[in-house]
Structures are given as structure tokens and as C-alpha cells.
N, C-alpha and C. Protein backbone atom coordinates (compact mmCIF):
# COMPACT_ATOMS: atom_id res chain seq x y z
N ALA A 1 0.83 -1.20 0.00
CA ALA A 1 0.00 0.00 0.00
C ALA A 1 0.87 1.25 0.00
N LEU A 2 1.93 1.23 0.79
CA LEU A 2 2.80 2.41 0.83
C LEU A 2 3.44 2.67 -0.52
N GLU A 3 3.84 1.63 -1.22
CA GLU A 3 4.42 1.81 -2.56
C GLU A 3 3.45 2.54 -3.47
N ALA A 4 2.19 2.13 -3.43
CA ALA A 4 1.19 2.75 -4.30
C ALA A 4 0.95 4.20 -3.91
N VAL A 5 0.88 4.46 -2.61
CA VAL A 5 0.61 5.83 -2.14
C VAL A 5 1.81 6.74 -2.36
N LEU A 6 2.97 6.27 -1.95
CA LEU A 6 4.16 7.12 -1.99
C LEU A 6 4.85 7.11 -3.34
N GLY A 7 4.69 6.05 -4.12
CA GLY A 7 5.36 5.95 -5.41
C GLY A 7 4.76 6.84 -6.48
N ALA A 8 3.52 7.23 -6.31
CA ALA A 8 2.83 8.15 -7.22
C ALA A 8 2.79 7.64 -8.65
N ASP A 9 2.82 6.32 -8.84
CA ASP A 9 2.69 5.76 -10.18
C ASP A 9 1.22 5.67 -10.55
N LEU A 10 0.96 5.65 -11.86
CA LEU A 10 -0.38 5.39 -12.35
C LEU A 10 -0.48 3.89 -12.63
N TYR A 11 -1.60 3.30 -12.31
CA TYR A 11 -1.79 1.86 -12.49
C TYR A 11 -2.92 1.62 -13.47
N ASP A 12 -2.69 0.68 -14.38
CA ASP A 12 -3.75 0.34 -15.33
C ASP A 12 -4.76 -0.60 -14.67
N ALA A 13 -5.85 -0.85 -15.36
CA ALA A 13 -6.94 -1.65 -14.78
C ALA A 13 -6.51 -3.08 -14.48
N GLU A 14 -5.71 -3.66 -15.36
CA GLU A 14 -5.27 -5.05 -15.14
C GLU A 14 -4.41 -5.16 -13.89
N THR A 15 -3.53 -4.17 -13.67
CA THR A 15 -2.70 -4.19 -12.46
C THR A 15 -3.56 -4.00 -11.22
N ALA A 16 -4.52 -3.08 -11.29
CA ALA A 16 -5.42 -2.86 -10.16
C ALA A 16 -6.20 -4.13 -9.84
N GLU A 17 -6.61 -4.85 -10.87
CA GLU A 17 -7.31 -6.12 -10.65
C GLU A 17 -6.38 -7.13 -9.99
N ARG A 18 -5.16 -7.23 -10.50
CA ARG A 18 -4.19 -8.19 -9.95
C ARG A 18 -3.87 -7.88 -8.49
N TYR A 19 -3.82 -6.61 -8.13
CA TYR A 19 -3.53 -6.20 -6.75
C TYR A 19 -4.75 -6.32 -5.84
N GLY A 20 -5.92 -6.58 -6.42
CA GLY A 20 -7.13 -6.72 -5.61
C GLY A 20 -7.80 -5.39 -5.27
N TRP A 21 -7.44 -4.35 -6.00
CA TRP A 21 -8.03 -3.04 -5.75
C TRP A 21 -9.41 -2.91 -6.38
N VAL A 22 -9.65 -3.66 -7.43
CA VAL A 22 -10.95 -3.68 -8.10
C VAL A 22 -11.37 -5.14 -8.25
N ASN A 23 -12.66 -5.38 -8.35
CA ASN A 23 -13.14 -6.75 -8.51
C ASN A 23 -12.69 -7.36 -9.82
N ARG A 24 -12.79 -6.58 -10.90
CA ARG A 24 -12.36 -7.08 -12.20
C ARG A 24 -12.16 -5.92 -13.16
N ALA A 25 -11.26 -6.13 -14.09
CA ALA A 25 -11.03 -5.16 -15.16
C ALA A 25 -11.92 -5.54 -16.33
N VAL A 26 -12.57 -4.54 -16.92
CA VAL A 26 -13.50 -4.78 -18.03
C VAL A 26 -13.08 -3.89 -19.19
N PRO A 27 -13.01 -4.43 -20.41
CA PRO A 27 -12.71 -3.59 -21.56
C PRO A 27 -13.73 -2.45 -21.68
N ALA A 28 -13.26 -1.30 -22.11
CA ALA A 28 -14.10 -0.10 -22.17
C ALA A 28 -15.38 -0.34 -22.97
N ASP A 29 -15.29 -1.08 -24.08
CA ASP A 29 -16.48 -1.28 -24.91
C ASP A 29 -17.50 -2.23 -24.27
N GLU A 30 -17.14 -2.91 -23.19
CA GLU A 30 -18.07 -3.80 -22.48
C GLU A 30 -18.58 -3.20 -21.17
N LEU A 31 -18.02 -2.08 -20.76
CA LEU A 31 -18.31 -1.54 -19.44
C LEU A 31 -19.79 -1.24 -19.22
N ASP A 32 -20.42 -0.57 -20.17
CA ASP A 32 -21.85 -0.23 -20.00
C ASP A 32 -22.70 -1.47 -19.82
N ASP A 33 -22.45 -2.50 -20.62
CA ASP A 33 -23.23 -3.74 -20.51
C ASP A 33 -23.00 -4.42 -19.16
N VAL A 34 -21.74 -4.45 -18.70
CA VAL A 34 -21.43 -5.08 -17.42
C VAL A 34 -22.11 -4.34 -16.28
N VAL A 35 -22.04 -3.01 -16.31
CA VAL A 35 -22.65 -2.20 -15.25
C VAL A 35 -24.17 -2.34 -15.28
N ASP A 36 -24.76 -2.31 -16.47
CA ASP A 36 -26.22 -2.46 -16.58
C ASP A 36 -26.68 -3.81 -16.04
N ARG A 37 -25.96 -4.87 -16.38
CA ARG A 37 -26.33 -6.21 -15.90
C ARG A 37 -26.22 -6.28 -14.38
N LEU A 38 -25.13 -5.75 -13.84
CA LEU A 38 -24.94 -5.77 -12.39
C LEU A 38 -26.06 -4.98 -11.70
N ALA A 39 -26.38 -3.81 -12.23
CA ALA A 39 -27.43 -2.99 -11.63
C ALA A 39 -28.79 -3.70 -11.68
N ARG A 40 -29.10 -4.35 -12.81
CA ARG A 40 -30.37 -5.09 -12.92
C ARG A 40 -30.41 -6.25 -11.93
N ASN A 41 -29.30 -6.96 -11.81
CA ASN A 41 -29.26 -8.10 -10.88
C ASN A 41 -29.46 -7.64 -9.45
N ILE A 42 -28.80 -6.57 -9.06
CA ILE A 42 -28.94 -6.05 -7.69
C ILE A 42 -30.37 -5.55 -7.47
N ALA A 43 -30.90 -4.82 -8.44
CA ALA A 43 -32.25 -4.27 -8.30
C ALA A 43 -33.31 -5.36 -8.20
N ALA A 44 -33.05 -6.53 -8.77
CA ALA A 44 -34.04 -7.61 -8.77
C ALA A 44 -34.01 -8.46 -7.51
N LEU A 45 -33.05 -8.22 -6.63
CA LEU A 45 -32.97 -9.03 -5.42
C LEU A 45 -34.17 -8.78 -4.51
N PRO A 46 -34.66 -9.82 -3.86
CA PRO A 46 -35.78 -9.65 -2.94
C PRO A 46 -35.41 -8.74 -1.76
N GLU A 47 -36.42 -8.13 -1.20
CA GLU A 47 -36.23 -7.25 -0.05
C GLU A 47 -35.46 -7.97 1.06
N GLY A 48 -34.50 -7.29 1.61
CA GLY A 48 -33.73 -7.82 2.73
C GLY A 48 -32.42 -8.47 2.36
N VAL A 49 -32.27 -8.87 1.10
CA VAL A 49 -31.06 -9.58 0.70
C VAL A 49 -29.84 -8.66 0.73
N ILE A 50 -29.97 -7.45 0.21
CA ILE A 50 -28.83 -6.53 0.18
C ILE A 50 -28.40 -6.16 1.60
N ALA A 51 -29.36 -5.85 2.44
CA ALA A 51 -29.03 -5.49 3.83
C ALA A 51 -28.36 -6.66 4.54
N ALA A 52 -28.85 -7.87 4.29
CA ALA A 52 -28.25 -9.06 4.93
C ALA A 52 -26.81 -9.26 4.45
N ALA A 53 -26.57 -9.06 3.17
CA ALA A 53 -25.21 -9.21 2.64
C ALA A 53 -24.28 -8.16 3.23
N LYS A 54 -24.77 -6.93 3.35
CA LYS A 54 -23.93 -5.86 3.93
C LYS A 54 -23.60 -6.16 5.39
N ARG A 55 -24.57 -6.68 6.12
CA ARG A 55 -24.29 -7.03 7.52
C ARG A 55 -23.32 -8.19 7.62
N ALA A 56 -23.37 -9.07 6.64
CA ALA A 56 -22.58 -10.30 6.72
C ALA A 56 -21.10 -10.09 6.41
N ILE A 57 -20.79 -9.20 5.50
CA ILE A 57 -19.40 -9.03 5.08
C ILE A 57 -18.72 -7.99 5.95
N VAL A 58 -17.80 -8.48 6.76
CA VAL A 58 -17.02 -7.62 7.66
C VAL A 58 -15.58 -7.66 7.16
N PRO A 59 -15.08 -6.57 6.56
CA PRO A 59 -13.74 -6.60 5.97
C PRO A 59 -12.63 -6.99 6.94
N GLU A 60 -12.77 -6.70 8.22
CA GLU A 60 -11.71 -6.99 9.17
C GLU A 60 -11.51 -8.49 9.36
N ASP A 61 -12.54 -9.27 9.17
CA ASP A 61 -12.45 -10.71 9.39
C ASP A 61 -13.28 -11.42 8.33
N LEU A 62 -12.63 -11.76 7.21
CA LEU A 62 -13.35 -12.34 6.09
C LEU A 62 -14.02 -13.66 6.45
N ALA A 63 -13.32 -14.53 7.18
CA ALA A 63 -13.90 -15.83 7.53
C ALA A 63 -15.18 -15.64 8.34
N GLU A 64 -15.15 -14.76 9.31
CA GLU A 64 -16.35 -14.50 10.11
C GLU A 64 -17.43 -13.88 9.24
N GLY A 65 -17.05 -13.00 8.34
CA GLY A 65 -18.01 -12.40 7.42
C GLY A 65 -18.69 -13.43 6.54
N LEU A 66 -17.90 -14.38 6.06
CA LEU A 66 -18.48 -15.43 5.22
C LEU A 66 -19.43 -16.33 6.02
N ARG A 67 -19.09 -16.59 7.27
CA ARG A 67 -20.02 -17.35 8.13
C ARG A 67 -21.32 -16.57 8.32
N ARG A 68 -21.19 -15.28 8.55
CA ARG A 68 -22.40 -14.44 8.70
C ARG A 68 -23.20 -14.42 7.41
N GLU A 69 -22.49 -14.33 6.29
CA GLU A 69 -23.18 -14.33 5.00
C GLU A 69 -23.95 -15.63 4.82
N HIS A 70 -23.33 -16.75 5.15
CA HIS A 70 -24.01 -18.05 5.05
C HIS A 70 -25.29 -18.04 5.88
N ASP A 71 -25.18 -17.59 7.12
CA ASP A 71 -26.35 -17.56 8.00
C ASP A 71 -27.42 -16.61 7.46
N ALA A 72 -26.99 -15.45 6.96
CA ALA A 72 -27.94 -14.47 6.44
C ALA A 72 -28.67 -15.03 5.22
N TRP A 73 -27.94 -15.69 4.31
CA TRP A 73 -28.57 -16.28 3.13
C TRP A 73 -29.50 -17.42 3.54
N ALA A 74 -29.08 -18.23 4.49
CA ALA A 74 -29.93 -19.33 4.96
C ALA A 74 -31.25 -18.78 5.49
N ASN A 75 -31.19 -17.66 6.19
CA ASN A 75 -32.41 -17.04 6.72
C ASN A 75 -33.33 -16.54 5.61
N GLN A 76 -32.76 -16.19 4.47
CA GLN A 76 -33.57 -15.71 3.35
C GLN A 76 -34.49 -16.80 2.81
N PHE A 77 -34.09 -18.07 2.94
CA PHE A 77 -34.91 -19.16 2.42
C PHE A 77 -36.20 -19.35 3.20
N ALA A 78 -36.30 -18.77 4.37
CA ALA A 78 -37.53 -18.86 5.16
C ALA A 78 -38.55 -17.81 4.72
N ARG A 79 -38.16 -16.92 3.85
CA ARG A 79 -39.04 -15.83 3.43
C ARG A 79 -40.01 -16.31 2.35
N PRO A 80 -41.22 -15.76 2.30
CA PRO A 80 -42.20 -16.16 1.29
C PRO A 80 -41.69 -15.96 -0.14
N GLU A 81 -40.93 -14.91 -0.39
CA GLU A 81 -40.41 -14.65 -1.73
C GLU A 81 -39.50 -15.79 -2.19
N ALA A 82 -38.70 -16.32 -1.29
CA ALA A 82 -37.82 -17.43 -1.65
C ALA A 82 -38.64 -18.67 -2.00
N GLU A 83 -39.67 -18.93 -1.23
CA GLU A 83 -40.53 -20.09 -1.52
C GLU A 83 -41.20 -19.92 -2.87
N ARG A 84 -41.66 -18.70 -3.17
CA ARG A 84 -42.30 -18.43 -4.46
C ARG A 84 -41.33 -18.71 -5.60
N LEU A 85 -40.08 -18.25 -5.46
CA LEU A 85 -39.09 -18.47 -6.52
C LEU A 85 -38.74 -19.95 -6.67
N ILE A 86 -38.57 -20.63 -5.57
CA ILE A 86 -38.21 -22.05 -5.63
C ILE A 86 -39.34 -22.86 -6.25
N ARG A 87 -40.56 -22.67 -5.74
CA ARG A 87 -41.70 -23.43 -6.28
C ARG A 87 -41.97 -23.06 -7.74
N GLY A 88 -41.93 -21.77 -8.03
CA GLY A 88 -42.16 -21.34 -9.41
C GLY A 88 -41.08 -21.84 -10.35
N GLY A 89 -39.84 -21.81 -9.88
CA GLY A 89 -38.75 -22.31 -10.71
C GLY A 89 -38.91 -23.78 -11.03
N LEU A 90 -39.25 -24.57 -10.04
CA LEU A 90 -39.45 -26.00 -10.26
C LEU A 90 -40.64 -26.26 -11.18
N THR A 91 -41.71 -25.51 -10.99
CA THR A 91 -42.90 -25.66 -11.83
C THR A 91 -42.59 -25.33 -13.29
N HIS A 92 -41.70 -24.35 -13.50
CA HIS A 92 -41.40 -23.90 -14.86
C HIS A 92 -40.11 -24.50 -15.42
N GLY A 93 -39.60 -25.56 -14.80
CA GLY A 93 -38.50 -26.30 -15.39
C GLY A 93 -37.09 -25.86 -15.04
N ALA A 94 -36.90 -25.19 -13.93
CA ALA A 94 -35.56 -24.75 -13.53
C ALA A 94 -34.60 -25.92 -13.36
N GLN A 95 -35.13 -27.10 -13.06
CA GLN A 95 -34.29 -28.27 -12.82
C GLN A 95 -33.93 -28.99 -14.12
N THR A 96 -34.41 -28.51 -15.26
CA THR A 96 -34.09 -29.14 -16.54
C THR A 96 -32.84 -28.50 -17.14
N ARG A 97 -32.30 -29.15 -18.15
CA ARG A 97 -31.10 -28.62 -18.82
C ARG A 97 -31.36 -27.22 -19.37
N ASP A 98 -32.47 -27.05 -20.08
CA ASP A 98 -32.79 -25.74 -20.64
C ASP A 98 -33.05 -24.72 -19.54
N GLY A 99 -33.73 -25.15 -18.48
CA GLY A 99 -33.99 -24.24 -17.37
C GLY A 99 -32.72 -23.77 -16.70
N GLU A 100 -31.77 -24.68 -16.55
CA GLU A 100 -30.49 -24.30 -15.93
C GLU A 100 -29.69 -23.36 -16.82
N ARG A 101 -29.82 -23.54 -18.13
CA ARG A 101 -29.07 -22.68 -19.06
C ARG A 101 -29.53 -21.24 -18.99
N ASP A 102 -30.81 -21.03 -18.70
CA ASP A 102 -31.34 -19.67 -18.60
C ASP A 102 -32.06 -19.50 -17.27
N LEU A 103 -31.42 -19.93 -16.19
CA LEU A 103 -32.06 -19.88 -14.88
C LEU A 103 -32.43 -18.45 -14.50
N GLU A 104 -31.52 -17.52 -14.74
CA GLU A 104 -31.81 -16.12 -14.40
C GLU A 104 -33.05 -15.63 -15.14
N GLY A 105 -33.11 -15.86 -16.44
CA GLY A 105 -34.27 -15.43 -17.22
C GLY A 105 -35.54 -16.11 -16.77
N LEU A 106 -35.45 -17.40 -16.47
CA LEU A 106 -36.61 -18.16 -16.01
C LEU A 106 -37.15 -17.57 -14.71
N LEU A 107 -36.26 -17.36 -13.74
CA LEU A 107 -36.70 -16.84 -12.44
C LEU A 107 -37.23 -15.41 -12.54
N ARG A 108 -36.58 -14.59 -13.36
CA ARG A 108 -37.04 -13.21 -13.51
C ARG A 108 -38.39 -13.14 -14.24
N GLY A 109 -38.70 -14.17 -15.03
CA GLY A 109 -39.95 -14.19 -15.77
C GLY A 109 -41.13 -14.78 -15.01
N LEU A 110 -40.89 -15.23 -13.79
CA LEU A 110 -41.99 -15.82 -13.01
C LEU A 110 -43.02 -14.75 -12.65
N PRO A 111 -44.29 -15.10 -12.66
CA PRO A 111 -45.31 -14.13 -12.25
C PRO A 111 -45.21 -13.83 -10.76
N GLY A 112 -45.64 -12.64 -10.43
CA GLY A 112 -45.77 -12.37 -9.02
C GLY A 112 -44.94 -11.37 -8.42
């Protein structure tokens, strides 16, 4: 960290990704699509999921954060929305080869 701060060098996206400063480097011509997809995925999450994930991830202790995340996600399965998605997914073929290939589209297309 001191090298980066005190060295005053400029770092490209690939180096930032390799150092763990960013989640991933994306080519400029793909950036809008990647951001749009991420935003749609986050916006489509059931109520409570984002807050649970934020509570679960504690940067100071990743292992403990992952345990909390596991518990938080497990608690989400008790919610009516989770049951609706699971039952609807099974009814509409989520367990089939074609359903698995487009699971996101299948689940997002469920009524309700």
C-alpha cells in the first residue's frame, strides 16, 4: 500500500485487478453492458437480501463475514419470496437442462 501511495505511479486496470483493488477489469467497450447487468441483478434481489449481505461481510475478518453471510442467506430461504421463486422455478423447469441454461431469465420471468 505504501508503494502505491508514496510511489505516485499510475496503475492500469489489469494491475489494479491483480492487486485486488478492483473486482475485475473490463474492456471499455463492455463496461456499459457489465454495469447495466450488475445494476439489474442487484435491483431484482428480494427485499432484505442486500441489507443481509452488507451485515454479513465484515472486511476486518473475512472468515467470520463469510459465516455471517451463510447464515444471512440461509435465513432468506424462510421468506415467502424465496418459496415463491423455488416453487415457481421447479414448476417452470428450472431443474431441466434448458432451465439451468437460462435460470436467471426463467426466475425473472416468473409471475408475481
